[in-house]
PDB file of N, CA and C in Angstrom:
ATOM      1  N   UNK A   1    -130.624  61.034 227.574  1.00  0.00           N
ATOM      2  CA  UNK A   1    -131.539  60.548 227.041  1.00  0.00           C
ATOM      3  C   UNK A   1    -131.909  59.983 225.644  1.00  0.00           C
ATOM      4  N   UNK A   2    -132.222  58.850 225.345  1.00  0.00           N
ATOM      5  CA  UNK A   2    -132.165  58.583 224.105  1.00  0.00           C
ATOM      6  C   UNK A   2    -133.285  58.975 223.189  1.00  0.00           C
ATOM      7  N   UNK A   3    -133.775  60.002 223.652  1.00  0.00           N
ATOM      8  CA  UNK A   3    -134.975  60.504 222.830  1.00  0.00           C
ATOM      9  C   UNK A   3    -136.258  59.831 222.385  1.00  0.00           C
ATOM     10  N   UNK A   4    -136.358  58.467 223.302  1.00  0.00           N
ATOM     11  CA  UNK A   4    -137.621  57.933 223.226  1.00  0.00           C
ATOM     12  C   UNK A   4    -138.504  58.530 224.123  1.00  0.00           C
ATOM     13  N   UNK A   5    -139.701  58.426 223.862  1.00  0.00           N
ATOM     14  CA  UNK A   5    -140.755  59.038 224.543  1.00  0.00           C
ATOM     15  C   UNK A   5    -141.170  58.008 225.915  1.00  0.00           C
ATOM     16  N   UNK A   6    -141.255  58.697 226.956  1.00  0.00           N
ATOM     17  CA  UNK A   6    -141.591  57.784 228.104  1.00  0.00           C
ATOM     18  C   UNK A   6    -142.666  57.028 228.046  1.00  0.00           C
ATOM     19  N   UNK A   7    -142.555  55.940 228.432  1.00  0.00           N
ATOM     20  CA  UNK A   7    -143.797  54.835 228.373  1.00  0.00           C
ATOM     21  C   UNK A   7    -144.991  55.368 229.052  1.00  0.00           C
ATOM     22  N   UNK A   8    -146.267  54.917 228.297  1.00  0.00           N
ATOM     23  CA  UNK A   8    -147.479  55.411 229.120  1.00  0.00           C
ATOM     24  C   UNK A   8    -147.595  54.729 230.183  1.00  0.00           C
ATOM     25  N   UNK A   9    -148.592  55.070 231.005  1.00  0.00           N
ATOM     26  CA  UNK A   9    -148.980  54.109 232.421  1.00  0.00           C
ATOM     27  C   UNK A   9    -149.261  52.652 231.866  1.00  0.00           C
ATOM     28  N   UNK A  10    -150.170  52.812 230.774  1.00  0.00           N
ATOM     29  CA  UNK A  10    -150.554  51.371 230.317  1.00  0.00           C
ATOM     30  C   UNK A  10    -149.403  50.618 229.896  1.00  0.00           C
ATOM     31  N   UNK A  11    -148.675  51.116 229.177  1.00  0.00           N
ATOM     32  CA  UNK A  11    -147.111  50.450 228.798  1.00  0.00           C
ATOM     33  C   UNK A  11    -146.344  49.918 229.905  1.00  0.00           C
ATOM     34  N   UNK A  12    -146.164  50.822 230.891  1.00  0.00           N
ATOM     35  CA  UNK A  12    -145.373  50.464 232.239  1.00  0.00           C
ATOM     36  C   UNK A  12    -146.269  49.152 232.966  1.00  0.00           C
ATOM     37  N   UNK A  13    -147.413  49.264 232.814  1.00  0.00           N
ATOM     38  CA  UNK A  13    -148.173  48.095 233.578  1.00  0.00           C
ATOM     39  C   UNK A  13    -147.867  46.903 232.717  1.00  0.00           C
ATOM     40  N   UNK A  14    -148.139  46.937 231.359  1.00  0.00           N
ATOM     41  CA  UNK A  14    -148.000  46.011 230.645  1.00  0.00           C
ATOM     42  C   UNK A  14    -146.571  45.278 230.735  1.00  0.00           C
ATOM     43  N   UNK A  15    -145.554  46.185 230.710  1.00  0.00           N
ATOM     44  CA  UNK A  15    -144.063  45.758 231.051  1.00  0.00           C
ATOM     45  C   UNK A  15    -143.832  44.976 232.257  1.00  0.00           C
ATOM     46  N   UNK A  16    -144.371  45.671 233.342  1.00  0.00           N
ATOM     47  CA  UNK A  16    -144.319  44.956 234.774  1.00  0.00           C
ATOM     48  C   UNK A  16    -144.829  43.709 234.834  1.00  0.00           C
ATOM     49  N   UNK A  17    -146.142  43.678 234.218  1.00  0.00           N
ATOM     50  CA  UNK A  17    -146.774  42.339 234.010  1.00  0.00           C
ATOM     51  C   UNK A  17    -146.151  41.217 233.583  1.00  0.00           C
ATOM     52  N   UNK A  18    -145.622  41.669 232.396  1.00  0.00           N
ATOM     53  CA  UNK A  18    -144.718  40.716 231.438  1.00  0.00           C
ATOM     54  C   UNK A  18    -143.555  40.253 232.415  1.00  0.00           C
ATOM     55  N   UNK A  19    -142.952  41.282 233.176  1.00  0.00           N
ATOM     56  CA  UNK A  19    -141.714  41.033 233.737  1.00  0.00           C
ATOM     57  C   UNK A  19    -141.880  39.934 234.928  1.00  0.00           C
ATOM     58  N   UNK A  20    -143.200  39.991 235.778  1.00  0.00           N
ATOM     59  CA  UNK A  20    -143.424  39.274 236.544  1.00  0.00           C
ATOM     60  C   UNK A  20    -143.701  37.719 236.299  1.00  0.00           C
ATOM     61  N   UNK A  21    -144.480  37.942 235.132  1.00  0.00           N
ATOM     62  CA  UNK A  21    -144.699  36.409 234.773  1.00  0.00           C
ATOM     63  C   UNK A  21    -143.520  35.860 234.324  1.00  0.00           C
ATOM     64  N   UNK A  22    -142.660  36.408 233.783  1.00  0.00           N
ATOM     65  CA  UNK A  22    -141.271  35.755 233.465  1.00  0.00           C
ATOM     66  C   UNK A  22    -140.539  35.436 234.495  1.00  0.00           C
ATOM     67  N   UNK A  23    -140.503  36.346 235.462  1.00  0.00           N
ATOM     68  CA  UNK A  23    -139.758  35.944 236.666  1.00  0.00           C
ATOM     69  C   UNK A  23    -140.311  34.769 237.551  1.00  0.00           C
ATOM     70  N   UNK A  24    -141.558  34.652 237.512  1.00  0.00           N
ATOM     71  CA  UNK A  24    -142.448  33.747 238.123  1.00  0.00           C
ATOM     72  C   UNK A  24    -142.028  32.299 237.586  1.00  0.00           C
ATOM     73  N   UNK A  25    -142.039  32.489 236.203  1.00  0.00           N
ATOM     74  CA  UNK A  25    -141.505  31.219 235.522  1.00  0.00           C
ATOM     75  C   UNK A  25    -140.053  30.723 235.623  1.00  0.00           C
ATOM     76  N   UNK A  26    -139.347  31.646 235.640  1.00  0.00           N
ATOM     77  CA  UNK A  26    -137.833  31.297 236.193  1.00  0.00           C
ATOM     78  C   UNK A  26    -137.966  30.741 237.614  1.00  0.00           C
ATOM     79  N   UNK A  27    -138.737  31.208 238.613  1.00  0.00           N
ATOM     80  CA  UNK A  27    -138.631  30.773 239.773  1.00  0.00           C
ATOM     81  C   UNK A  27    -139.268  29.382 240.107  1.00  0.00           C
ATOM     82  N   UNK A  28    -140.127  28.956 239.165  1.00  0.00           N
ATOM     83  CA  UNK A  28    -140.856  27.851 239.413  1.00  0.00           C
ATOM     84  C   UNK A  28    -140.254  26.554 238.485  1.00  0.00           C
ATOM     85  N   UNK A  29    -139.184  27.144 237.616  1.00  0.00           N
ATOM     86  CA  UNK A  29    -138.492  26.391 236.873  1.00  0.00           C
ATOM     87  C   UNK A  29    -136.978  26.408 237.134  1.00  0.00           C
ATOM     88  N   UNK A  30    -136.641  26.838 238.178  1.00  0.00           N
ATOM     89  CA  UNK A  30    -135.108  26.705 238.884  1.00  0.00           C
ATOM     90  C   UNK A  30    -134.336  27.459 237.807  1.00  0.00           C
ATOM     91  N   UNK A  31    -134.921  28.943 237.383  1.00  0.00           N
ATOM     92  CA  UNK A  31    -134.173  29.747 236.325  1.00  0.00           C
ATOM     93  C   UNK A  31    -133.852  29.072 235.173  1.00  0.00           C
ATOM     94  N   UNK A  32    -134.442  28.108 234.536  1.00  0.00           N
ATOM     95  CA  UNK A  32    -134.305  27.617 233.226  1.00  0.00           C
ATOM     96  C   UNK A  32    -134.882  28.401 232.156  1.00  0.00           C
ATOM     97  N   UNK A  33    -134.097  29.080 231.549  1.00  0.00           N
ATOM     98  CA  UNK A  33    -134.671  30.271 230.661  1.00  0.00           C
ATOM     99  C   UNK A  33    -135.327  29.713 229.613  1.00  0.00           C
ATOM    100  N   UNK A  34    -134.898  28.515 229.034  1.00  0.00           N
ATOM    101  CA  UNK A  34    -135.303  27.825 227.858  1.00  0.00           C
ATOM    102  C   UNK A  34    -136.973  27.427 228.029  1.00  0.00           C
ATOM    103  N   UNK A  35    -137.192  27.073 229.389  1.00  0.00           N
ATOM    104  CA  UNK A  35    -138.392  26.935 229.542  1.00  0.00           C
ATOM    105  C   UNK A  35    -139.711  28.110 229.794  1.00  0.00           C
ATOM    106  N   UNK A  36    -138.946  29.220 229.862  1.00  0.00           N
ATOM    107  CA  UNK A  36    -139.595  30.317 229.998  1.00  0.00           C
ATOM    108  C   UNK A  36    -139.430  31.400 228.582  1.00  0.00           C
ATOM    109  N   UNK A  37    -139.131  30.702 227.552  1.00  0.00           N
ATOM    110  CA  UNK A  37    -138.808  31.580 226.290  1.00  0.00           C
ATOM    111  C   UNK A  37    -139.670  32.287 226.159  1.00  0.00           C
ATOM    112  N   UNK A  38    -140.887  31.933 225.769  1.00  0.00           N
ATOM    113  CA  UNK A  38    -142.165  32.770 225.191  1.00  0.00           C
ATOM    114  C   UNK A  38    -142.382  33.989 226.055  1.00  0.00           C
ATOM    115  N   UNK A  39    -142.341  33.546 227.500  1.00  0.00           N
ATOM    116  CA  UNK A  39    -142.575  34.769 228.473  1.00  0.00           C
ATOM    117  C   UNK A  39    -141.466  35.861 228.374  1.00  0.00           C
ATOM    118  N   UNK A  40    -140.241  35.341 228.005  1.00  0.00           N
ATOM    119  CA  UNK A  40    -138.951  36.281 228.043  1.00  0.00           C
ATOM    120  C   UNK A  40    -139.234  37.142 226.582  1.00  0.00           C
ATOM    121  N   UNK A  41    -139.656  36.460 225.598  1.00  0.00           N
ATOM    122  CA  UNK A  41    -139.974  37.359 224.129  1.00  0.00           C
ATOM    123  C   UNK A  41    -141.086  38.431 224.650  1.00  0.00           C
ATOM    124  N   UNK A  42    -142.090  37.853 225.297  1.00  0.00           N
ATOM    125  CA  UNK A  42    -143.190  38.863 225.702  1.00  0.00           C
ATOM    126  C   UNK A  42    -142.775  40.267 226.576  1.00  0.00           C
ATOM    127  N   UNK A  43    -141.878  39.657 227.392  1.00  0.00           N
ATOM    128  CA  UNK A  43    -140.967  40.731 228.345  1.00  0.00           C
ATOM    129  C   UNK A  43    -140.444  41.676 227.433  1.00  0.00           C
ATOM    130  N   UNK A  44    -139.372  41.099 226.775  1.00  0.00           N
ATOM    131  CA  UNK A  44    -138.630  42.047 225.673  1.00  0.00           C
ATOM    132  C   UNK A  44    -139.511  42.971 224.985  1.00  0.00           C
ATOM    133  N   UNK A  45    -140.691  42.350 224.203  1.00  0.00           N
ATOM    134  CA  UNK A  45    -141.379  43.035 223.483  1.00  0.00           C
ATOM    135  C   UNK A  45    -142.191  44.353 224.245  1.00  0.00           C
ATOM    136  N   UNK A  46    -142.553  44.034 225.295  1.00  0.00           N
ATOM    137  CA  UNK A  46    -143.213  45.026 226.022  1.00  0.00           C
ATOM    138  C   UNK A  46    -142.599  46.117 226.974  1.00  0.00           C
ATOM    139  N   UNK A  47    -141.369  45.841 226.980  1.00  0.00           N
ATOM    140  CA  UNK A  47    -140.690  46.679 227.923  1.00  0.00           C
ATOM    141  C   UNK A  47    -139.569  47.287 226.977  1.00  0.00           C
ATOM    142  N   UNK A  48    -139.191  48.599 227.196  1.00  0.00           N
ATOM    143  CA  UNK A  48    -137.977  49.101 226.560  1.00  0.00           C
ATOM    144  C   UNK A  48    -136.801  48.613 226.755  1.00  0.00           C
ATOM    145  N   UNK A  49    -135.902  48.493 225.911  1.00  0.00           N
ATOM    146  CA  UNK A  49    -134.537  47.659 226.020  1.00  0.00           C
ATOM    147  C   UNK A  49    -133.769  48.104 227.159  1.00  0.00           C
ATOM    148  N   UNK A  50    -133.624  49.249 227.616  1.00  0.00           N
ATOM    149  CA  UNK A  50    -132.973  49.773 228.861  1.00  0.00           C
ATOM    150  C   UNK A  50    -133.689  49.197 229.883  1.00  0.00           C
ATOM    151  N   UNK A  51    -134.962  48.911 229.814  1.00  0.00           N
ATOM    152  CA  UNK A  51    -135.513  48.619 231.232  1.00  0.00           C
ATOM    153  C   UNK A  51    -135.290  47.030 231.302  1.00  0.00           C
ATOM    154  N   UNK A  52    -135.267  46.317 230.402  1.00  0.00           N
ATOM    155  CA  UNK A  52    -134.947  44.957 230.304  1.00  0.00           C
ATOM    156  C   UNK A  52    -133.784  44.701 231.015  1.00  0.00           C
ATOM    157  N   UNK A  53    -132.722  45.356 230.580  1.00  0.00           N
ATOM    158  CA  UNK A  53    -131.333  45.165 230.956  1.00  0.00           C
ATOM    159  C   UNK A  53    -131.354  45.335 232.546  1.00  0.00           C
ATOM    160  N   UNK A  54    -132.167  46.694 233.039  1.00  0.00           N
ATOM    161  CA  UNK A  54    -132.143  46.986 234.242  1.00  0.00           C
ATOM    162  C   UNK A  54    -132.635  45.805 235.227  1.00  0.00           C
ATOM    163  N   UNK A  55    -133.881  45.208 234.740  1.00  0.00           N
ATOM    164  CA  UNK A  55    -134.565  44.150 235.462  1.00  0.00           C
ATOM    165  C   UNK A  55    -133.617  43.002 235.585  1.00  0.00           C
ATOM    166  N   UNK A  56    -132.840  42.717 234.490  1.00  0.00           N
ATOM    167  CA  UNK A  56    -132.067  41.488 234.407  1.00  0.00           C
ATOM    168  C   UNK A  56    -130.838  41.502 235.540  1.00  0.00           C
ATOM    169  N   UNK A  57    -130.226  42.858 235.551  1.00  0.00           N
ATOM    170  CA  UNK A  57    -129.466  43.249 236.854  1.00  0.00           C
ATOM    171  C   UNK A  57    -130.051  43.120 237.852  1.00  0.00           C
ATOM    172  N   UNK A  58    -131.529  43.803 237.934  1.00  0.00           N
ATOM    173  CA  UNK A  58    -132.133  43.601 239.432  1.00  0.00           C
ATOM    174  C   UNK A  58    -132.404  42.320 239.880  1.00  0.00           C
ATOM    175  N   UNK A  59    -132.564  41.225 238.908  1.00  0.00           N
ATOM    176  CA  UNK A  59    -133.145  39.970 239.349  1.00  0.00           C
ATOM    177  C   UNK A  59    -131.940  39.355 239.922  1.00  0.00           C
ATOM    178  N   UNK A  60    -130.682  39.614 239.151  1.00  0.00           N
ATOM    179  CA  UNK A  60    -129.482  39.003 239.678  1.00  0.00           C
ATOM    180  C   UNK A  60    -128.918  39.387 241.144  1.00  0.00           C
ATOM    181  N   UNK A  61    -129.252  40.753 241.213  1.00  0.00           N
ATOM    182  CA  UNK A  61    -128.852  41.371 242.613  1.00  0.00           C
ATOM    183  C   UNK A  61    -130.003  40.729 243.765  1.00  0.00           C
ATOM    184  N   UNK A  62    -131.202  40.678 243.610  1.00  0.00           N
ATOM    185  CA  UNK A  62    -132.207  40.154 244.442  1.00  0.00           C
ATOM    186  C   UNK A  62    -131.768  38.832 244.535  1.00  0.00           C
ATOM    187  N   UNK A  63    -131.502  37.890 243.809  1.00  0.00           N
ATOM    188  CA  UNK A  63    -131.078  36.749 243.893  1.00  0.00           C
ATOM    189  C   UNK A  63    -129.889  36.410 244.684  1.00  0.00           C
ATOM    190  N   UNK A  64    -128.939  37.208 244.707  1.00  0.00           N
ATOM    191  CA  UNK A  64    -127.651  37.152 245.367  1.00  0.00           C
ATOM    192  C   UNK A  64    -128.147  37.472 247.041  1.00  0.00           C
ATOM    193  N   UNK A  65    -129.027  38.527 246.707  1.00  0.00           N
ATOM    194  CA  UNK A  65    -129.173  39.264 248.261  1.00  0.00           C
ATOM    195  C   UNK A  65    -129.772  38.185 249.073  1.00  0.00           C
ATOM    196  N   UNK A  66    -130.928  37.480 248.462  1.00  0.00           N
ATOM    197  CA  UNK A  66    -131.749  36.292 249.141  1.00  0.00           C
ATOM    198  C   UNK A  66    -130.695  35.182 249.539  1.00  0.00           C
ATOM    199  N   UNK A  67    -129.892  34.608 248.749  1.00  0.00           N
ATOM    200  CA  UNK A  67    -128.705  33.806 248.802  1.00  0.00           C
ATOM    201  C   UNK A  67    -127.943  34.404 250.119  1.00  0.00           C
ATOM    202  N   UNK A  68    -127.602  35.602 250.182  1.00  0.00           N
ATOM    203  CA  UNK A  68    -126.939  36.037 251.385  1.00  0.00           C
ATOM    204  C   UNK A  68    -127.619  35.700 252.586  1.00  0.00           C
ATOM    205  N   UNK A  69    -128.972  36.365 252.516  1.00  0.00           N
ATOM    206  CA  UNK A  69    -129.881  36.190 253.597  1.00  0.00           C
ATOM    207  C   UNK A  69    -130.264  34.726 254.329  1.00  0.00           C
ATOM    208  N   UNK A  70    -130.295  33.841 253.232  1.00  0.00           N
ATOM    209  CA  UNK A  70    -130.390  32.398 253.489  1.00  0.00           C
ATOM    210  C   UNK A  70    -129.344  31.674 253.974  1.00  0.00           C
ATOM    211  N   UNK A  71    -128.371  31.548 253.334  1.00  0.00           N
ATOM    212  CA  UNK A  71    -127.202  31.157 253.461  1.00  0.00           C
ATOM    213  C   UNK A  71    -125.916  31.835 254.264  1.00  0.00           C
ATOM    214  N   UNK A  72    -125.943  33.245 254.201  1.00  0.00           N
ATOM    215  CA  UNK A  72    -124.871  33.790 254.971  1.00  0.00           C
ATOM    216  C   UNK A  72    -124.036  34.069 253.950  1.00  0.00           C
ATOM    217  N   UNK A  73    -122.882  35.025 254.571  1.00  0.00           N
ATOM    218  CA  UNK A  73    -121.897  35.237 253.485  1.00  0.00           C
ATOM    219  C   UNK A  73    -120.681  34.295 253.994  1.00  0.00           C
ATOM    220  N   UNK A  74    -120.234  33.704 252.983  1.00  0.00           N
ATOM    221  CA  UNK A  74    -118.937  32.658 253.287  1.00  0.00           C
ATOM    222  C   UNK A  74    -117.774  33.440 252.575  1.00  0.00           C
ATOM    223  N   UNK A  75    -116.700  33.701 253.051  1.00  0.00           N
ATOM    224  CA  UNK A  75    -115.619  34.168 252.267  1.00  0.00           C
ATOM    225  C   UNK A  75    -115.075  33.060 251.622  1.00  0.00           C
ATOM    226  N   UNK A  76    -114.260  33.392 250.357  1.00  0.00           N
ATOM    227  CA  UNK A  76    -113.556  32.385 249.407  1.00  0.00           C
ATOM    228  C   UNK A  76    -112.768  31.761 250.530  1.00  0.00           C
ATOM    229  N   UNK A  77    -112.505  30.442 250.336  1.00  0.00           N
ATOM    230  CA  UNK A  77    -111.509  29.616 250.840  1.00  0.00           C
ATOM    231  C   UNK A  77    -109.996  30.088 250.892  1.00  0.00           C
ATOM    232  N   UNK A  78    -109.793  30.560 249.634  1.00  0.00           N
ATOM    233  CA  UNK A  78    -108.376  30.968 249.654  1.00  0.00           C
ATOM    234  C   UNK A  78    -108.025  32.483 250.281  1.00  0.00           C
ATOM    235  N   UNK A  79    -108.876  33.011 250.627  1.00  0.00           N
ATOM    236  CA  UNK A  79    -108.674  34.381 251.129  1.00  0.00           C
ATOM    237  C   UNK A  79    -107.955  34.404 252.366  1.00  0.00           C
ATOM    238  N   UNK A  80    -107.064  35.176 252.460  1.00  0.00           N
ATOM    239  CA  UNK A  80    -106.024  35.489 253.854  1.00  0.00           C
ATOM    240  C   UNK A  80    -105.096  34.112 253.640  1.00  0.00           C
ATOM    241  N   UNK A  81    -104.907  33.161 252.765  1.00  0.00           N
ATOM    242  CA  UNK A  81    -104.038  32.379 252.879  1.00  0.00           C
ATOM    243  C   UNK A  81    -103.013  32.777 251.875  1.00  0.00           C
ATOM    244  N   UNK A  82    -101.705  33.146 252.420  1.00  0.00           N
ATOM    245  CA  UNK A  82    -100.451  33.885 251.500  1.00  0.00           C
ATOM    246  C   UNK A  82     -99.349  32.655 251.286  1.00  0.00           C
TER     247      UNK A  82
END
């Protein structure tokens, strides 16, 4: 543990709210981070840095999972060709 105090309930709620607003912005702008810069800064300022990293990875994972569900898995073309 980094010695930081755990965020209070209000801080967690603010963090999650900022994350949700940022993610909604990305969704509505085709993941164009430049259009969501203000929300990104709010997200980073309201959440512990470790959480920001975690949520960034989580979003990537969720997008990947959704892509698999909608498009299915397609193996790389070169696979299996020796």
